[in-house]
Amino acid sequence: MEKKQCPRCKTLIEPMPILYGLPGPEMVLGAQAGKIRLGGCTVEPESADYVCPECDAALPWVRQPGDDDGIEDDALGAYWPGDAGASPRQ
């Protein structure tokens, strides 16, 4: 994903994806490595898809399947809030 300016801290960042669901070992390792943020098991309509790695602000950008953020759409046994049939956002 291309760098964007965080609306809160104004830093130019690569938004960190938030994964939801019960974390498996790969998700835990990804979070420990700082590649993803664990979002918990419950996804609400207002749940963020990305977080600023500098100030921890929830970011307004919504992830779309196929986004180039380094995480495969079905990676790590989790789902994305924007996926069909997987989210209360629909």
C-alpha atoms as a PDB file:
ATOM      1  CA  MET A   1       0.000   0.000   0.000  1.00  0.00           C
ATOM      2  CA  GLU A   2       1.253   3.448  -0.817  1.00  0.00           C
ATOM      3  CA  LYS A   3       2.160   5.826   1.962  1.00  0.00           C
ATOM      4  CA  LYS A   4      -0.579   8.151   3.150  1.00  0.00           C
ATOM      5  CA  GLN A   5      -0.733  11.019   5.586  1.00  0.00           C
ATOM      6  CA  CYS A   6      -2.288  10.161   8.935  1.00  0.00           C
ATOM      7  CA  PRO A   7      -5.168  12.588   9.540  1.00  0.00           C
ATOM      8  CA  ARG A   8      -4.312  12.795  13.263  1.00  0.00           C
ATOM      9  CA  CYS A   9      -0.496  13.043  13.536  1.00  0.00           C
ATOM     10  CA  LYS A  10       0.109  14.195   9.918  1.00  0.00           C
ATOM     11  CA  THR A  11       2.982  11.686   9.551  1.00  0.00           C
ATOM     12  CA  LEU A  12       3.476  10.065   6.141  1.00  0.00           C
ATOM     13  CA  ILE A  13       2.950   6.377   6.949  1.00  0.00           C
ATOM     14  CA  GLU A  14       2.209   2.977   5.527  1.00  0.00           C
ATOM     15  CA  PRO A  15      -1.108   2.167   7.249  1.00  0.00           C
ATOM     16  CA  MET A  16      -0.929  -1.004   9.367  1.00  0.00           C
ATOM     17  CA  PRO A  17      -3.721  -3.480   8.558  1.00  0.00           C
ATOM     18  CA  ILE A  18      -5.950  -4.624  11.409  1.00  0.00           C
ATOM     19  CA  LEU A  19      -6.965  -8.296  11.353  1.00  0.00           C
ATOM     20  CA  TYR A  20     -10.045  -9.491  13.209  1.00  0.00           C
ATOM     21  CA  GLY A  21     -10.859 -12.940  14.518  1.00  0.00           C
ATOM     22  CA  LEU A  22      -9.372 -15.463  16.893  1.00  0.00           C
ATOM     23  CA  PRO A  23      -5.619 -15.173  16.287  1.00  0.00           C
ATOM     24  CA  GLY A  24      -3.702 -18.239  15.226  1.00  0.00           C
ATOM     25  CA  PRO A  25       0.063 -18.587  15.542  1.00  0.00           C
ATOM     26  CA  GLU A  26       0.724 -16.756  12.261  1.00  0.00           C
ATOM     27  CA  MET A  27      -1.387 -13.777  13.322  1.00  0.00           C
ATOM     28  CA  VAL A  28       0.416 -13.599  16.666  1.00  0.00           C
ATOM     29  CA  LEU A  29       3.802 -13.671  14.915  1.00  0.00           C
ATOM     30  CA  GLY A  30       2.654 -10.979  12.465  1.00  0.00           C
ATOM     31  CA  ALA A  31       1.526  -8.764  15.329  1.00  0.00           C
ATOM     32  CA  GLN A  32       4.751  -9.324  17.262  1.00  0.00           C
ATOM     33  CA  ALA A  33       6.733  -8.397  14.140  1.00  0.00           C
ATOM     34  CA  GLY A  34       4.738  -5.156  13.768  1.00  0.00           C
ATOM     35  CA  LYS A  35       3.237  -6.129  10.404  1.00  0.00           C
ATOM     36  CA  ILE A  36      -0.398  -6.287  11.536  1.00  0.00           C
ATOM     37  CA  ARG A  37      -2.514  -5.162  14.472  1.00  0.00           C
ATOM     38  CA  LEU A  38      -4.886  -7.600  16.141  1.00  0.00           C
ATOM     39  CA  GLY A  39      -8.379  -6.138  16.227  1.00  0.00           C
ATOM     40  CA  GLY A  40     -10.122  -8.662  18.450  1.00  0.00           C
ATOM     41  CA  CYS A  41     -12.825 -11.203  17.751  1.00  0.00           C
ATOM     42  CA  THR A  42     -15.759  -8.849  17.262  1.00  0.00           C
ATOM     43  CA  VAL A  43     -16.151  -6.749  14.119  1.00  0.00           C
ATOM     44  CA  GLU A  44     -18.535  -3.816  14.354  1.00  0.00           C
ATOM     45  CA  PRO A  45     -19.716  -1.578  11.499  1.00  0.00           C
ATOM     46  CA  GLU A  46     -17.359   1.142  12.743  1.00  0.00           C
ATOM     47  CA  SER A  47     -14.349  -1.190  13.167  1.00  0.00           C
ATOM     48  CA  ALA A  48     -11.261   0.235  11.492  1.00  0.00           C
ATOM     49  CA  ASP A  49      -9.369  -1.609   8.754  1.00  0.00           C
ATOM     50  CA  TYR A  50      -6.087   0.231   9.365  1.00  0.00           C
ATOM     51  CA  VAL A  51      -4.237   1.932  12.208  1.00  0.00           C
ATOM     52  CA  CYS A  52      -1.456   4.516  12.162  1.00  0.00           C
ATOM     53  CA  PRO A  53       1.751   2.814  13.365  1.00  0.00           C
ATOM     54  CA  GLU A  54       3.010   6.156  14.758  1.00  0.00           C
ATOM     55  CA  CYS A  55       0.086   7.445  16.852  1.00  0.00           C
ATOM     56  CA  ASP A  56      -2.289   4.421  16.981  1.00  0.00           C
ATOM     57  CA  ALA A  57      -5.133   6.389  15.386  1.00  0.00           C
ATOM     58  CA  ALA A  58      -7.835   4.297  13.749  1.00  0.00           C
ATOM     59  CA  LEU A  59      -7.712   5.302  10.096  1.00  0.00           C
ATOM     60  CA  PRO A  60     -10.733   6.047   7.900  1.00  0.00           C
ATOM     61  CA  TRP A  61      -9.529   4.060   4.878  1.00  0.00           C
ATOM     62  CA  VAL A  62     -11.487   0.903   4.115  1.00  0.00           C
ATOM     63  CA  ARG A  63      -9.584  -2.125   2.866  1.00  0.00           C
ATOM     64  CA  GLN A  64     -10.752  -3.658  -0.391  1.00  0.00           C
ATOM     65  CA  PRO A  65     -10.006  -7.223  -1.509  1.00  0.00           C
ATOM     66  CA  GLY A  66      -6.835  -7.132  -3.577  1.00  0.00           C
ATOM     67  CA  ASP A  67      -5.323  -4.095  -1.808  1.00  0.00           C
ATOM     68  CA  ASP A  68      -1.545  -4.194  -1.967  1.00  0.00           C
ATOM     69  CA  ASP A  69      -0.903  -4.051   1.780  1.00  0.00           C
ATOM     70  CA  GLY A  70       1.284  -7.144   2.040  1.00  0.00           C
ATOM     71  CA  ILE A  71      -1.502  -9.297   3.460  1.00  0.00           C
ATOM     72  CA  GLU A  72      -3.313 -11.820   1.271  1.00  0.00           C
ATOM     73  CA  ASP A  73      -7.097 -11.551   1.346  1.00  0.00           C
ATOM     74  CA  ASP A  74      -7.487 -14.927   3.066  1.00  0.00           C
ATOM     75  CA  ALA A  75      -4.168 -14.836   4.905  1.00  0.00           C
ATOM     76  CA  LEU A  76      -3.616 -16.040   8.409  1.00  0.00           C
ATOM     77  CA  GLY A  77      -7.039 -17.624   8.804  1.00  0.00           C
ATOM     78  CA  ALA A  78      -8.785 -14.281   9.265  1.00  0.00           C
ATOM     79  CA  TYR A  79     -11.286 -12.246   7.321  1.00  0.00           C
ATOM     80  CA  TRP A  80     -11.393  -8.600   6.437  1.00  0.00           C
ATOM     81  CA  PRO A  81     -14.258  -6.368   7.498  1.00  0.00           C
ATOM     82  CA  GLY A  82     -15.038  -5.467   3.868  1.00  0.00           C
ATOM     83  CA  ASP A  83     -15.334  -9.054   2.560  1.00  0.00           C
ATOM     84  CA  ALA A  84     -18.717 -10.275   1.301  1.00  0.00           C
ATOM     85  CA  GLY A  85     -20.583 -12.300   3.898  1.00  0.00           C
ATOM     86  CA  ALA A  86     -17.997 -11.684   6.596  1.00  0.00           C
ATOM     87  CA  SER A  87     -18.935  -8.369   8.082  1.00  0.00           C
ATOM     88  CA  PRO A  88     -21.846  -6.499   9.613  1.00  0.00           C
ATOM     89  CA  ARG A  89     -20.867  -3.504   7.423  1.00  0.00           C
ATOM     90  CA  GLN A  90     -22.928  -4.754   4.508  1.00  0.00           C
END
